[in-house]
Amino acid sequence: MCSLPSPVVDYLGKFIAERSSPAYLRVDKQGRLQEWGGSLSAYGLQDLRAGAPIRGQIDFLVGLLPGADTPLYCPCVEMGFGLFTDIHVFPRDGGIGCYCWMSVPMQSNVASCNNGSTI
């Protein structure tokens, strides 16, 4: 892992938080939701219930959990309604953590990069 100076880490954290609607979830080994936070409504997640199974609450995680003993990265997962997200699943505190942030489909990303603006 590379070592970055704290101002760079701080900048990247702010950049992600401001532009990509980050959200996190923590699920126990039995697949029950334990904790959550961030911009969940951006992903269509609402009325979550602690201690309840993820099936029916967070269907995009069904099949990925439980059993994430090693980190898993799923880029540009289509969530429906034109939304794409990067999903990170990783072991955490006797359970599984999941971190999501908005991503842009490659065609849109290329188009936005070619909008004629210069640095």
Protein backbone atom coordinates (compact mmCIF):
# COMPACT_ATOMS: atom_id res chain seq x y z
CA MET A 1 0.00 0.00 0.00
CA CYS A 2 1.38 3.38 -0.90
CA SER A 3 1.86 6.02 1.72
CA LEU A 4 0.18 9.34 0.98
CA PRO A 5 0.61 12.56 2.94
CA SER A 6 -2.36 13.42 5.14
CA PRO A 7 -3.37 16.50 3.05
CA VAL A 8 -3.79 14.20 0.02
CA VAL A 9 -5.81 11.67 2.02
CA ASP A 10 -7.97 14.50 3.43
CA TYR A 11 -8.57 15.91 -0.06
CA LEU A 12 -9.53 12.51 -1.49
CA GLY A 13 -11.92 11.86 1.39
CA LYS A 14 -13.64 15.22 0.87
CA PHE A 15 -13.73 14.72 -2.90
CA ILE A 16 -15.43 11.33 -2.59
CA ALA A 17 -17.87 12.55 0.07
CA GLU A 18 -18.90 15.62 -1.92
CA ARG A 19 -19.20 14.11 -5.39
CA SER A 20 -20.06 10.45 -5.18
CA SER A 21 -22.80 9.92 -2.55
CA PRO A 22 -20.90 7.43 -0.40
CA ALA A 23 -22.84 4.99 1.75
CA TYR A 24 -21.87 2.11 3.99
CA LEU A 25 -23.54 -0.99 5.38
CA ARG A 26 -22.41 -3.55 7.94
CA VAL A 27 -23.88 -7.05 7.82
CA ASP A 28 -23.27 -9.91 10.25
CA LYS A 29 -22.09 -13.38 9.16
CA GLN A 30 -25.72 -14.56 9.06
CA GLY A 31 -26.62 -11.89 6.49
CA ARG A 32 -28.50 -9.57 8.87
CA LEU A 33 -28.11 -5.81 8.60
CA GLN A 34 -26.38 -4.32 11.64
CA GLU A 35 -25.36 -0.76 10.81
CA TRP A 36 -25.62 1.75 7.96
CA GLY A 37 -25.03 5.38 7.08
CA GLY A 38 -24.23 7.88 4.38
CA SER A 39 -26.27 8.73 1.30
CA LEU A 40 -28.50 5.65 1.31
CA SER A 41 -31.43 7.35 -0.42
CA ALA A 42 -29.22 7.91 -3.49
CA TYR A 43 -29.23 4.11 -3.90
CA GLY A 44 -32.96 3.73 -3.35
CA LEU A 45 -32.39 2.33 0.16
CA GLN A 46 -34.92 3.37 2.77
CA ASP A 47 -36.74 2.00 5.79
CA LEU A 48 -33.85 -0.32 6.65
CA ARG A 49 -34.32 -2.58 9.67
CA ALA A 50 -31.47 -3.48 12.02
CA GLY A 51 -31.19 -7.21 12.68
CA ALA A 52 -33.32 -8.12 9.66
CA PRO A 53 -31.96 -10.15 6.72
CA ILE A 54 -30.60 -8.15 3.78
CA ARG A 55 -32.89 -10.02 1.35
CA GLY A 56 -35.77 -7.69 0.62
CA GLN A 57 -33.88 -4.69 2.02
CA ILE A 58 -30.64 -4.58 0.02
CA ASP A 59 -31.17 -7.01 -2.82
CA PHE A 60 -28.02 -6.00 -4.73
CA LEU A 61 -25.96 -7.61 -1.95
CA VAL A 62 -27.82 -10.93 -1.98
CA GLY A 63 -25.41 -13.52 -3.36
CA LEU A 64 -22.34 -11.49 -2.39
CA LEU A 65 -22.91 -12.00 1.34
CA PRO A 66 -22.25 -13.62 3.71
CA GLY A 67 -18.86 -15.19 3.33
CA ALA A 68 -16.72 -12.26 2.27
CA ASP A 69 -13.49 -13.45 3.86
CA THR A 70 -11.44 -11.46 1.36
CA PRO A 71 -12.23 -8.03 -0.08
CA LEU A 72 -14.36 -7.93 -3.22
CA TYR A 73 -14.58 -4.97 -5.62
CA CYS A 74 -17.44 -4.71 -8.12
CA PRO A 75 -17.06 -1.64 -10.36
CA CYS A 76 -19.90 0.08 -12.25
CA VAL A 77 -22.76 -2.08 -10.99
CA GLU A 78 -26.03 -0.92 -12.54
CA MET A 79 -28.55 -0.27 -9.78
CA GLY A 80 -31.39 0.62 -12.14
CA PHE A 81 -32.85 4.00 -13.05
CA GLY A 82 -29.55 4.99 -14.73
CA LEU A 83 -27.51 4.73 -11.54
CA PHE A 84 -24.15 2.99 -11.47
CA THR A 85 -22.16 2.38 -8.32
CA ASP A 86 -18.86 0.86 -7.28
CA ILE A 87 -19.36 -1.69 -4.51
CA HIS A 88 -16.62 -2.72 -2.10
CA VAL A 89 -17.26 -5.68 0.21
CA PHE A 90 -14.73 -6.46 2.93
CA PRO A 91 -14.40 -8.36 6.23
CA ARG A 92 -15.08 -6.14 9.24
CA ASP A 93 -15.60 -6.64 13.00
CA GLY A 94 -16.84 -10.23 12.85
CA GLY A 95 -19.07 -9.37 9.93
CA ILE A 96 -18.96 -7.82 6.50
CA GLY A 97 -18.64 -4.19 5.52
CA CYS A 98 -19.93 -2.76 2.29
CA TYR A 99 -19.01 0.63 0.91
CA CYS A 100 -20.67 2.11 -2.16
CA TRP A 101 -20.12 5.23 -4.17
CA MET A 102 -21.50 6.51 -7.41
CA SER A 103 -19.58 5.73 -10.55
CA VAL A 104 -20.09 6.96 -14.07
CA PRO A 105 -20.56 4.59 -17.02
CA MET A 106 -17.54 4.69 -19.31
CA GLN A 107 -19.37 6.35 -22.24
CA SER A 108 -20.66 9.18 -20.04
CA ASN A 109 -17.25 9.54 -18.43
CA VAL A 110 -15.55 9.84 -21.81
CA ALA A 111 -18.18 12.35 -22.96
CA SER A 112 -17.71 14.50 -19.87
CA CYS A 113 -13.94 14.40 -20.33
CA ASN A 114 -14.31 15.57 -23.93
CA ASN A 115 -16.56 18.52 -23.21
CA GLY A 116 -13.96 20.99 -24.46
CA SER A 117 -12.86 22.28 -21.08
CA THR A 118 -9.18 22.73 -20.39
CA ILE A 119 -7.12 23.05 -17.28
